[in-house]
PDB file of N, CA and C in Angstrom:
ATOM      1  N   MET A   1      17.015  22.697   2.614  1.00  0.00           N
ATOM      2  CA  MET A   1      15.220  22.423   2.733  1.00  0.00           C
ATOM      3  C   MET A   1      15.272  20.905   3.023  1.00  0.00           C
ATOM      4  N   LYS A   2      14.814  20.409   4.004  1.00  0.00           N
ATOM      5  CA  LYS A   2      14.676  18.871   4.317  1.00  0.00           C
ATOM      6  C   LYS A   2      13.717  18.037   3.171  1.00  0.00           C
ATOM      7  N   ASN A   3      14.068  16.918   2.817  1.00  0.00           N
ATOM      8  CA  ASN A   3      13.321  16.032   1.742  1.00  0.00           C
ATOM      9  C   ASN A   3      12.653  15.087   2.657  1.00  0.00           C
ATOM     10  N   HIS A   4      11.344  15.329   2.272  1.00  0.00           N
ATOM     11  CA  HIS A   4      10.279  14.384   2.969  1.00  0.00           C
ATOM     12  C   HIS A   4      10.068  13.401   1.891  1.00  0.00           C
ATOM     13  N   ASN A   5       9.487  12.326   2.799  1.00  0.00           N
ATOM     14  CA  ASN A   5       8.993  11.064   2.084  1.00  0.00           C
ATOM     15  C   ASN A   5       7.656  10.763   2.625  1.00  0.00           C
ATOM     16  N   TYR A   6       6.702  10.452   1.476  1.00  0.00           N
ATOM     17  CA  TYR A   6       5.449   9.980   1.722  1.00  0.00           C
ATOM     18  C   TYR A   6       5.094   9.086   1.052  1.00  0.00           C
ATOM     19  N   PHE A   7       4.445   7.917   0.878  1.00  0.00           N
ATOM     20  CA  PHE A   7       4.361   6.931   0.203  1.00  0.00           C
ATOM     21  C   PHE A   7       2.898   6.617   0.202  1.00  0.00           C
ATOM     22  N   VAL A   8       2.391   6.394  -1.295  1.00  0.00           N
ATOM     23  CA  VAL A   8       1.141   5.846  -1.528  1.00  0.00           C
ATOM     24  C   VAL A   8       1.552   4.362  -1.583  1.00  0.00           C
ATOM     25  N   TYR A   9       0.611   3.295  -1.437  1.00  0.00           N
ATOM     26  CA  TYR A   9       1.077   1.899  -1.398  1.00  0.00           C
ATOM     27  C   TYR A   9      -0.093   1.293  -1.594  1.00  0.00           C
ATOM     28  N   ILE A  10      -0.249   0.097  -2.311  1.00  0.00           N
ATOM     29  CA  ILE A  10      -1.322  -0.789  -2.511  1.00  0.00           C
ATOM     30  C   ILE A  10      -0.642  -2.127  -1.829  1.00  0.00           C
ATOM     31  N   THR A  11      -1.367  -2.985  -0.879  1.00  0.00           N
ATOM     32  CA  THR A  11      -1.197  -4.108  -0.336  1.00  0.00           C
ATOM     33  C   THR A  11      -2.359  -5.124  -0.711  1.00  0.00           C
ATOM     34  N   THR A  12      -2.065  -6.291  -0.575  1.00  0.00           N
ATOM     35  CA  THR A  12      -3.270  -7.336  -0.972  1.00  0.00           C
ATOM     36  C   THR A  12      -3.047  -8.671  -0.035  1.00  0.00           C
ATOM     37  N   ASN A  13      -3.679  -9.704   0.090  1.00  0.00           N
ATOM     38  CA  ASN A  13      -3.707 -10.710   1.276  1.00  0.00           C
ATOM     39  C   ASN A  13      -3.029 -11.805   0.349  1.00  0.00           C
ATOM     40  N   LYS A  14      -2.682 -12.744   1.035  1.00  0.00           N
ATOM     41  CA  LYS A  14      -1.877 -13.831   0.408  1.00  0.00           C
ATOM     42  C   LYS A  14      -2.351 -14.364  -1.019  1.00  0.00           C
ATOM     43  N   SER A  15      -3.778 -14.500  -0.950  1.00  0.00           N
ATOM     44  CA  SER A  15      -4.489 -15.067  -2.074  1.00  0.00           C
ATOM     45  C   SER A  15      -4.662 -14.242  -3.035  1.00  0.00           C
ATOM     46  N   LYS A  16      -4.436 -12.853  -2.937  1.00  0.00           N
ATOM     47  CA  LYS A  16      -4.317 -11.821  -3.921  1.00  0.00           C
ATOM     48  C   LYS A  16      -5.672 -11.210  -4.411  1.00  0.00           C
ATOM     49  N   LYS A  17      -6.753 -11.819  -3.355  1.00  0.00           N
ATOM     50  CA  LYS A  17      -8.005 -11.444  -3.676  1.00  0.00           C
ATOM     51  C   LYS A  17      -8.586 -10.059  -3.334  1.00  0.00           C
ATOM     52  N   VAL A  18      -7.827  -9.474  -2.171  1.00  0.00           N
ATOM     53  CA  VAL A  18      -8.347  -8.073  -1.675  1.00  0.00           C
ATOM     54  C   VAL A  18      -7.256  -6.857  -2.082  1.00  0.00           C
ATOM     55  N   LEU A  19      -7.357  -5.877  -2.196  1.00  0.00           N
ATOM     56  CA  LEU A  19      -6.659  -4.684  -2.542  1.00  0.00           C
ATOM     57  C   LEU A  19      -6.946  -3.738  -1.376  1.00  0.00           C
ATOM     58  N   TYR A  20      -5.726  -3.039  -1.160  1.00  0.00           N
ATOM     59  CA  TYR A  20      -5.947  -1.861   0.175  1.00  0.00           C
ATOM     60  C   TYR A  20      -4.817  -0.950  -0.450  1.00  0.00           C
ATOM     61  N   THR A  21      -5.364   0.259  -0.282  1.00  0.00           N
ATOM     62  CA  THR A  21      -4.664   1.325  -0.611  1.00  0.00           C
ATOM     63  C   THR A  21      -4.440   2.205   0.333  1.00  0.00           C
ATOM     64  N   GLY A  22      -3.080   2.852   0.828  1.00  0.00           N
ATOM     65  CA  GLY A  22      -3.041   3.804   2.148  1.00  0.00           C
ATOM     66  C   GLY A  22      -1.918   4.661   1.435  1.00  0.00           C
ATOM     67  N   MET A  23      -1.366   5.626   2.724  1.00  0.00           N
ATOM     68  CA  MET A  23      -0.680   6.493   2.557  1.00  0.00           C
ATOM     69  C   MET A  23       0.008   6.697   3.741  1.00  0.00           C
ATOM     70  N   THR A  24       1.556   6.666   3.710  1.00  0.00           N
ATOM     71  CA  THR A  24       2.173   7.029   5.026  1.00  0.00           C
ATOM     72  C   THR A  24       3.449   7.792   4.992  1.00  0.00           C
ATOM     73  N   ASN A  25       4.175   7.948   5.841  1.00  0.00           N
ATOM     74  CA  ASN A  25       5.320   8.999   5.635  1.00  0.00           C
ATOM     75  C   ASN A  25       6.467   7.681   6.315  1.00  0.00           C
ATOM     76  N   ASP A  26       5.942   6.411   6.555  1.00  0.00           N
ATOM     77  CA  ASP A  26       7.083   5.468   7.044  1.00  0.00           C
ATOM     78  C   ASP A  26       6.368   4.176   6.539  1.00  0.00           C
ATOM     79  N   LEU A  27       6.942   3.778   5.268  1.00  0.00           N
ATOM     80  CA  LEU A  27       6.314   2.504   4.686  1.00  0.00           C
ATOM     81  C   LEU A  27       6.617   1.114   5.437  1.00  0.00           C
ATOM     82  N   ARG A  28       7.736   0.913   5.974  1.00  0.00           N
ATOM     83  CA  ARG A  28       8.173  -0.258   6.740  1.00  0.00           C
ATOM     84  C   ARG A  28       7.416  -0.255   7.986  1.00  0.00           C
ATOM     85  N   ALA A  29       7.413   1.059   8.643  1.00  0.00           N
ATOM     86  CA  ALA A  29       6.568   0.657  10.068  1.00  0.00           C
ATOM     87  C   ALA A  29       5.274   0.266   9.616  1.00  0.00           C
ATOM     88  N   ARG A  30       4.581   1.192   8.646  1.00  0.00           N
ATOM     89  CA  ARG A  30       3.184   0.884   8.295  1.00  0.00           C
ATOM     90  C   ARG A  30       2.885  -0.403   7.851  1.00  0.00           C
ATOM     91  N   LEU A  31       3.641  -1.096   7.062  1.00  0.00           N
ATOM     92  CA  LEU A  31       3.462  -2.620   6.846  1.00  0.00           C
ATOM     93  C   LEU A  31       3.734  -3.355   8.028  1.00  0.00           C
ATOM     94  N   GLY A  32       4.339  -3.117   8.726  1.00  0.00           N
ATOM     95  CA  GLY A  32       4.626  -3.738  10.260  1.00  0.00           C
ATOM     96  C   GLY A  32       2.978  -3.369  11.054  1.00  0.00           C
ATOM     97  N   GLN A  33       2.574  -2.380  10.921  1.00  0.00           N
ATOM     98  CA  GLN A  33       1.145  -1.992  11.706  1.00  0.00           C
ATOM     99  C   GLN A  33       0.168  -3.038  10.889  1.00  0.00           C
ATOM    100  N   HIS A  34       0.218  -2.997   9.639  1.00  0.00           N
ATOM    101  CA  HIS A  34      -0.687  -3.979   8.929  1.00  0.00           C
ATOM    102  C   HIS A  34      -0.627  -5.331   9.521  1.00  0.00           C
ATOM    103  N   LEU A  35       0.574  -5.869   9.443  1.00  0.00           N
ATOM    104  CA  LEU A  35       0.772  -7.186   9.993  1.00  0.00           C
ATOM    105  C   LEU A  35       0.431  -7.294  11.314  1.00  0.00           C
ATOM    106  N   GLU A  36       0.878  -6.483  11.959  1.00  0.00           N
ATOM    107  CA  GLU A  36       0.369  -6.732  13.547  1.00  0.00           C
ATOM    108  C   GLU A  36      -1.058  -6.688  13.835  1.00  0.00           C
ATOM    109  N   ASP A  37      -1.943  -5.837  13.008  1.00  0.00           N
ATOM    110  CA  ASP A  37      -3.380  -5.881  13.202  1.00  0.00           C
ATOM    111  C   ASP A  37      -3.742  -7.101  12.549  1.00  0.00           C
ATOM    112  N   ALA A  38      -3.471  -7.688  11.391  1.00  0.00           N
ATOM    113  CA  ALA A  38      -3.863  -8.880  10.879  1.00  0.00           C
ATOM    114  C   ALA A  38      -3.606 -10.084  11.841  1.00  0.00           C
ATOM    115  N   MET A  39      -2.449  -9.866  12.548  1.00  0.00           N
ATOM    116  CA  MET A  39      -2.358 -11.023  13.345  1.00  0.00           C
ATOM    117  C   MET A  39      -3.081 -10.973  14.964  1.00  0.00           C
ATOM    118  N   ASN A  40      -3.591  -9.965  15.045  1.00  0.00           N
ATOM    119  CA  ASN A  40      -4.257  -9.842  16.309  1.00  0.00           C
ATOM    120  C   ASN A  40      -5.485  -9.326  16.454  1.00  0.00           C
ATOM    121  N   LYS A  41      -5.882  -8.112  16.498  1.00  0.00           N
ATOM    122  CA  LYS A  41      -7.080  -7.716  16.824  1.00  0.00           C
ATOM    123  C   LYS A  41      -7.937  -7.472  15.561  1.00  0.00           C
ATOM    124  N   LYS A  42      -7.432  -7.205  14.568  1.00  0.00           N
ATOM    125  CA  LYS A  42      -7.987  -7.088  13.281  1.00  0.00           C
ATOM    126  C   LYS A  42      -8.883  -5.757  13.177  1.00  0.00           C
ATOM    127  N   LYS A  43      -8.380  -4.722  13.760  1.00  0.00           N
ATOM    128  CA  LYS A  43      -9.267  -3.675  13.932  1.00  0.00           C
ATOM    129  C   LYS A  43      -9.340  -2.846  12.507  1.00  0.00           C
ATOM    130  N   THR A  44      -8.564  -2.836  11.627  1.00  0.00           N
ATOM    131  CA  THR A  44      -8.898  -1.917  10.447  1.00  0.00           C
ATOM    132  C   THR A  44      -9.187  -2.955   9.039  1.00  0.00           C
ATOM    133  N   PHE A  45      -9.523  -2.320   8.042  1.00  0.00           N
ATOM    134  CA  PHE A  45      -9.846  -3.292   6.895  1.00  0.00           C
ATOM    135  C   PHE A  45      -8.591  -4.214   6.400  1.00  0.00           C
ATOM    136  N   ALA A  46      -7.355  -3.501   6.540  1.00  0.00           N
ATOM    137  CA  ALA A  46      -6.122  -4.128   6.007  1.00  0.00           C
ATOM    138  C   ALA A  46      -6.015  -5.309   7.075  1.00  0.00           C
ATOM    139  N   GLY A  47      -6.179  -5.195   8.373  1.00  0.00           N
ATOM    140  CA  GLY A  47      -6.082  -6.101   9.238  1.00  0.00           C
ATOM    141  C   GLY A  47      -7.072  -7.312   9.005  1.00  0.00           C
ATOM    142  N   LYS A  48      -8.596  -6.862   8.900  1.00  0.00           N
ATOM    143  CA  LYS A  48      -9.507  -7.534   8.577  1.00  0.00           C
ATOM    144  C   LYS A  48      -9.285  -8.858   7.604  1.00  0.00           C
ATOM    145  N   TYR A  49      -9.043  -8.164   6.542  1.00  0.00           N
ATOM    146  CA  TYR A  49      -8.465  -8.931   5.246  1.00  0.00           C
ATOM    147  C   TYR A  49      -7.103  -9.335   5.084  1.00  0.00           C
ATOM    148  N   ASN A  50      -6.292  -9.227   6.099  1.00  0.00           N
ATOM    149  CA  ASN A  50      -4.761  -9.740   6.193  1.00  0.00           C
ATOM    150  C   ASN A  50      -4.220  -9.208   4.743  1.00  0.00           C
ATOM    151  N   CYS A  51      -4.281  -7.767   4.518  1.00  0.00           N
ATOM    152  CA  CYS A  51      -3.689  -7.186   3.577  1.00  0.00           C
ATOM    153  C   CYS A  51      -2.442  -6.381   4.146  1.00  0.00           C
ATOM    154  N   TYR A  52      -1.623  -7.222   4.086  1.00  0.00           N
ATOM    155  CA  TYR A  52      -0.288  -6.661   4.386  1.00  0.00           C
ATOM    156  C   TYR A  52       1.095  -7.094   3.293  1.00  0.00           C
ATOM    157  N   PHE A  53       0.767  -7.376   2.290  1.00  0.00           N
ATOM    158  CA  PHE A  53       1.808  -8.031   1.486  1.00  0.00           C
ATOM    159  C   PHE A  53       1.767  -6.683   0.347  1.00  0.00           C
ATOM    160  N   LEU A  54       2.780  -6.101   0.306  1.00  0.00           N
ATOM    161  CA  LEU A  54       3.145  -5.086  -0.721  1.00  0.00           C
ATOM    162  C   LEU A  54       3.263  -5.397  -2.124  1.00  0.00           C
ATOM    163  N   VAL A  55       2.481  -4.703  -2.804  1.00  0.00           N
ATOM    164  CA  VAL A  55       2.480  -4.946  -4.291  1.00  0.00           C
ATOM    165  C   VAL A  55       2.691  -4.006  -4.997  1.00  0.00           C
ATOM    166  N   TYR A  56       2.867  -2.788  -4.470  1.00  0.00           N
ATOM    167  CA  TYR A  56       2.940  -1.260  -5.418  1.00  0.00           C
ATOM    168  C   TYR A  56       3.341  -0.445  -4.310  1.00  0.00           C
ATOM    169  N   TRP A  57       3.924   0.596  -4.750  1.00  0.00           N
ATOM    170  CA  TRP A  57       4.293   1.732  -3.753  1.00  0.00           C
ATOM    171  C   TRP A  57       4.940   2.820  -4.683  1.00  0.00           C
ATOM    172  N   GLU A  58       4.719   4.221  -4.260  1.00  0.00           N
ATOM    173  CA  GLU A  58       5.251   5.332  -5.015  1.00  0.00           C
ATOM    174  C   GLU A  58       5.581   6.408  -3.856  1.00  0.00           C
ATOM    175  N   ARG A  59       6.734   7.061  -4.133  1.00  0.00           N
ATOM    176  CA  ARG A  59       7.085   8.144  -3.022  1.00  0.00           C
ATOM    177  C   ARG A  59       6.667   9.402  -3.650  1.00  0.00           C
ATOM    178  N   HIS A  60       6.285  10.448  -2.588  1.00  0.00           N
ATOM    179  CA  HIS A  60       5.902  11.616  -3.039  1.00  0.00           C
ATOM    180  C   HIS A  60       6.809  12.603  -2.120  1.00  0.00           C
ATOM    181  N   GLN A  61       7.246  13.777  -2.380  1.00  0.00           N
ATOM    182  CA  GLN A  61       7.936  14.652  -1.554  1.00  0.00           C
ATOM    183  C   GLN A  61       7.061  15.450  -0.784  1.00  0.00           C
ATOM    184  N   TYR A  62       5.860  15.872  -1.151  1.00  0.00           N
ATOM    185  CA  TYR A  62       4.575  16.685  -0.571  1.00  0.00           C
ATOM    186  C   TYR A  62       3.831  15.970   0.203  1.00  0.00           C
ATOM    187  N   VAL A  63       3.395  16.026   1.193  1.00  0.00           N
ATOM    188  CA  VAL A  63       2.257  15.513   1.810  1.00  0.00           C
ATOM    189  C   VAL A  63       0.723  15.334   1.078  1.00  0.00           C
ATOM    190  N   ASN A  64       0.442  16.887   0.624  1.00  0.00           N
ATOM    191  CA  ASN A  64      -0.695  16.998  -0.090  1.00  0.00           C
ATOM    192  C   ASN A  64      -0.837  16.108  -1.291  1.00  0.00           C
ATOM    193  N   HIS A  65       0.272  16.005  -2.020  1.00  0.00           N
ATOM    194  CA  HIS A  65       0.413  15.365  -3.466  1.00  0.00           C
ATOM    195  C   HIS A  65       0.010  13.813  -3.078  1.00  0.00           C
ATOM    196  N   ALA A  66       0.614  13.222  -1.909  1.00  0.00           N
ATOM    197  CA  ALA A  66       0.417  11.894  -1.591  1.00  0.00           C
ATOM    198  C   ALA A  66      -1.321  11.720  -1.281  1.00  0.00           C
ATOM    199  N   ILE A  67      -1.685  12.675  -0.578  1.00  0.00           N
ATOM    200  CA  ILE A  67      -3.155  12.633  -0.210  1.00  0.00           C
ATOM    201  C   ILE A  67      -3.937  12.413  -1.258  1.00  0.00           C
ATOM    202  N   GLU A  68      -3.505  13.436  -2.144  1.00  0.00           N
ATOM    203  CA  GLU A  68      -4.465  13.656  -3.419  1.00  0.00           C
ATOM    204  C   GLU A  68      -4.317  11.985  -4.423  1.00  0.00           C
ATOM    205  N   ARG A  69      -2.962  11.899  -4.345  1.00  0.00           N
ATOM    206  CA  ARG A  69      -3.102  10.305  -5.205  1.00  0.00           C
ATOM    207  C   ARG A  69      -3.628   9.136  -4.543  1.00  0.00           C
ATOM    208  N   GLU A  70      -3.385   9.158  -3.151  1.00  0.00           N
ATOM    209  CA  GLU A  70      -4.104   8.256  -2.461  1.00  0.00           C
ATOM    210  C   GLU A  70      -5.812   8.203  -2.755  1.00  0.00           C
ATOM    211  N   LYS A  71      -6.377   9.293  -2.657  1.00  0.00           N
ATOM    212  CA  LYS A  71      -7.634   9.499  -2.792  1.00  0.00           C
ATOM    213  C   LYS A  71      -8.054   8.907  -4.469  1.00  0.00           C
ATOM    214  N   GLU A  72      -7.352   9.312  -5.160  1.00  0.00           N
ATOM    215  CA  GLU A  72      -7.437   9.241  -6.685  1.00  0.00           C
ATOM    216  C   GLU A  72      -7.380   7.498  -6.891  1.00  0.00           C
ATOM    217  N   ILE A  73      -6.377   6.967  -6.433  1.00  0.00           N
ATOM    218  CA  ILE A  73      -6.303   5.774  -6.495  1.00  0.00           C
ATOM    219  C   ILE A  73      -7.556   4.826  -5.864  1.00  0.00           C
ATOM    220  N   LYS A  74      -7.657   5.259  -4.616  1.00  0.00           N
ATOM    221  CA  LYS A  74      -8.867   4.684  -3.830  1.00  0.00           C
ATOM    222  C   LYS A  74     -10.171   4.678  -4.720  1.00  0.00           C
ATOM    223  N   GLY A  75     -10.415   5.657  -5.531  1.00  0.00           N
ATOM    224  CA  GLY A  75     -11.651   5.900  -6.217  1.00  0.00           C
ATOM    225  C   GLY A  75     -11.548   5.118  -7.535  1.00  0.00           C
ATOM    226  N   TRP A  76     -10.482   4.527  -8.009  1.00  0.00           N
ATOM    227  CA  TRP A  76     -10.675   3.625  -9.094  1.00  0.00           C
ATOM    228  C   TRP A  76     -11.131   2.107  -8.856  1.00  0.00           C
ATOM    229  N   LYS A  77     -11.593   1.642 -10.069  1.00  0.00           N
ATOM    230  CA  LYS A  77     -12.033   0.257  -9.972  1.00  0.00           C
ATOM    231  C   LYS A  77     -10.999  -0.713  -9.830  1.00  0.00           C
ATOM    232  N   ARG A  78     -11.170  -1.998  -9.550  1.00  0.00           N
ATOM    233  CA  ARG A  78      -9.921  -2.787  -9.207  1.00  0.00           C
ATOM    234  C   ARG A  78      -8.969  -2.884 -10.593  1.00  0.00           C
ATOM    235  N   PHE A  79      -9.692  -3.088 -11.525  1.00  0.00           N
ATOM    236  CA  PHE A  79      -8.717  -3.353 -12.997  1.00  0.00           C
ATOM    237  C   PHE A  79      -7.859  -2.248 -13.004  1.00  0.00           C
ATOM    238  N   LYS A  80      -8.355  -1.057 -12.726  1.00  0.00           N
ATOM    239  CA  LYS A  80      -7.325   0.022 -13.055  1.00  0.00           C
ATOM    240  C   LYS A  80      -6.097   0.058 -12.108  1.00  0.00           C
ATOM    241  N   LYS A  81      -6.526  -0.362 -10.863  1.00  0.00           N
ATOM    242  CA  LYS A  81      -5.431  -0.331  -9.784  1.00  0.00           C
ATOM    243  C   LYS A  81      -4.585  -1.469 -10.278  1.00  0.00           C
ATOM    244  N   GLU A  82      -5.030  -2.754 -10.781  1.00  0.00           N
ATOM    245  CA  GLU A  82      -4.083  -3.761 -11.193  1.00  0.00           C
ATOM    246  C   GLU A  82      -3.266  -3.279 -12.452  1.00  0.00           C
ATOM    247  N   ASP A  83      -3.971  -2.442 -13.116  1.00  0.00           N
ATOM    248  CA  ASP A  83      -3.229  -1.856 -14.554  1.00  0.00           C
ATOM    249  C   ASP A  83      -2.028  -1.178 -14.021  1.00  0.00           C
ATOM    250  N   LEU A  84      -2.321  -0.435 -13.020  1.00  0.00           N
ATOM    251  CA  LEU A  84      -1.173   0.718 -12.156  1.00  0.00           C
ATOM    252  C   LEU A  84       0.103  -0.505 -11.792  1.00  0.00           C
ATOM    253  N   PHE A  85      -0.109  -1.337 -10.901  1.00  0.00           N
ATOM    254  CA  PHE A  85       0.988  -1.969 -10.552  1.00  0.00           C
ATOM    255  C   PHE A  85       1.422  -3.132 -11.190  1.00  0.00           C
ATOM    256  N   ASN A  86       0.644  -3.679 -12.229  1.00  0.00           N
ATOM    257  CA  ASN A  86       0.973  -4.756 -13.241  1.00  0.00           C
ATOM    258  C   ASN A  86       1.932  -3.987 -14.333  1.00  0.00           C
ATOM    259  N   SER A  87       2.090  -2.818 -14.254  1.00  0.00           N
ATOM    260  CA  SER A  87       3.143  -2.148 -15.355  1.00  0.00           C
ATOM    261  C   SER A  87       4.567  -2.110 -14.737  1.00  0.00           C
ATOM    262  N   ILE A  88       4.579  -2.285 -13.271  1.00  0.00           N
ATOM    263  CA  ILE A  88       5.823  -2.413 -12.655  1.00  0.00           C
ATOM    264  C   ILE A  88       6.127  -3.635 -11.924  1.00  0.00           C
ATOM    265  N   ASN A  89       5.108  -4.509 -11.672  1.00  0.00           N
ATOM    266  CA  ASN A  89       5.045  -5.556 -11.030  1.00  0.00           C
ATOM    267  C   ASN A  89       4.069  -6.633 -11.520  1.00  0.00           C
ATOM    268  N   PRO A  90       4.210  -6.980 -12.583  1.00  0.00           N
ATOM    269  CA  PRO A  90       3.331  -8.144 -13.380  1.00  0.00           C
ATOM    270  C   PRO A  90       3.043  -9.311 -12.632  1.00  0.00           C
ATOM    271  N   ASP A  91       3.992  -9.722 -12.016  1.00  0.00           N
ATOM    272  CA  ASP A  91       3.668 -11.262 -11.055  1.00  0.00           C
ATOM    273  C   ASP A  91       3.093 -10.960  -9.827  1.00  0.00           C
ATOM    274  N   TRP A  92       2.884  -9.692  -9.509  1.00  0.00           N
ATOM    275  CA  TRP A  92       2.481  -9.501  -8.156  1.00  0.00           C
ATOM    276  C   TRP A  92       3.253 -10.198  -6.996  1.00  0.00           C
ATOM    277  N   ARG A  93       4.495  -9.780  -7.246  1.00  0.00           N
ATOM    278  CA  ARG A  93       5.597 -10.275  -6.284  1.00  0.00           C
ATOM    279  C   ARG A  93       5.384  -9.318  -5.013  1.00  0.00           C
ATOM    280  N   PHE A  94       5.466  -9.923  -3.619  1.00  0.00           N
ATOM    281  CA  PHE A  94       5.514  -9.238  -2.599  1.00  0.00           C
ATOM    282  C   PHE A  94       6.578  -8.534  -2.322  1.00  0.00           C
ATOM    283  N   LEU A  95       6.651  -7.082  -2.251  1.00  0.00           N
ATOM    284  CA  LEU A  95       7.475  -6.254  -2.194  1.00  0.00           C
ATOM    285  C   LEU A  95       8.058  -5.776  -0.746  1.00  0.00           C
ATOM    286  N   ASN A  96       7.500  -6.306   0.131  1.00  0.00           N
ATOM    287  CA  ASN A  96       7.875  -6.039   1.656  1.00  0.00           C
ATOM    288  C   ASN A  96       9.308  -5.998   1.794  1.00  0.00           C
ATOM    289  N   ASP A  97      10.146  -6.873   1.333  1.00  0.00           N
ATOM    290  CA  ASP A  97      11.635  -7.129   1.719  1.00  0.00           C
ATOM    291  C   ASP A  97      12.279  -6.016   0.889  1.00  0.00           C
ATOM    292  N   GLU A  98      11.924  -5.526   0.092  1.00  0.00           N
ATOM    293  CA  GLU A  98      12.481  -4.027  -0.819  1.00  0.00           C
ATOM    294  C   GLU A  98      12.348  -3.057  -0.249  1.00  0.00           C
ATOM    295  N   VAL A  99      11.660  -2.741   0.903  1.00  0.00           N
ATOM    296  CA  VAL A  99      11.530  -1.614   1.405  1.00  0.00           C
ATOM    297  C   VAL A  99      12.542  -1.132   2.260  1.00  0.00           C
ATOM    298  N   ASP A 100      13.158   0.104   2.010  1.00  0.00           N
ATOM    299  CA  ASP A 100      14.290   0.466   2.896  1.00  0.00           C
ATOM    300  C   ASP A 100      13.873   1.040   4.262  1.00  0.00           C
TER     301      ASP A 100
END
């Protein structure tokens, strides 16, 4: 049976004022899309607010689990999202270069 990868992730802008939560099956490509949109047409929320700096991600094997988790996190207040990624990334390091 094939192992699938789906990612729920949180990005921010350079000043760390805005958070964006998303889900994808190719995290590296999706981060590239966010950067491309931010540098050009700014068609999406992430692009408009320059949210292409990765601060948190988690992997899921099943797409329905990833979708449920994304919806759950999107429903949270900012402080709860910060608590989530502060537990593994308290310095808010940009993790883009650590994605395989």
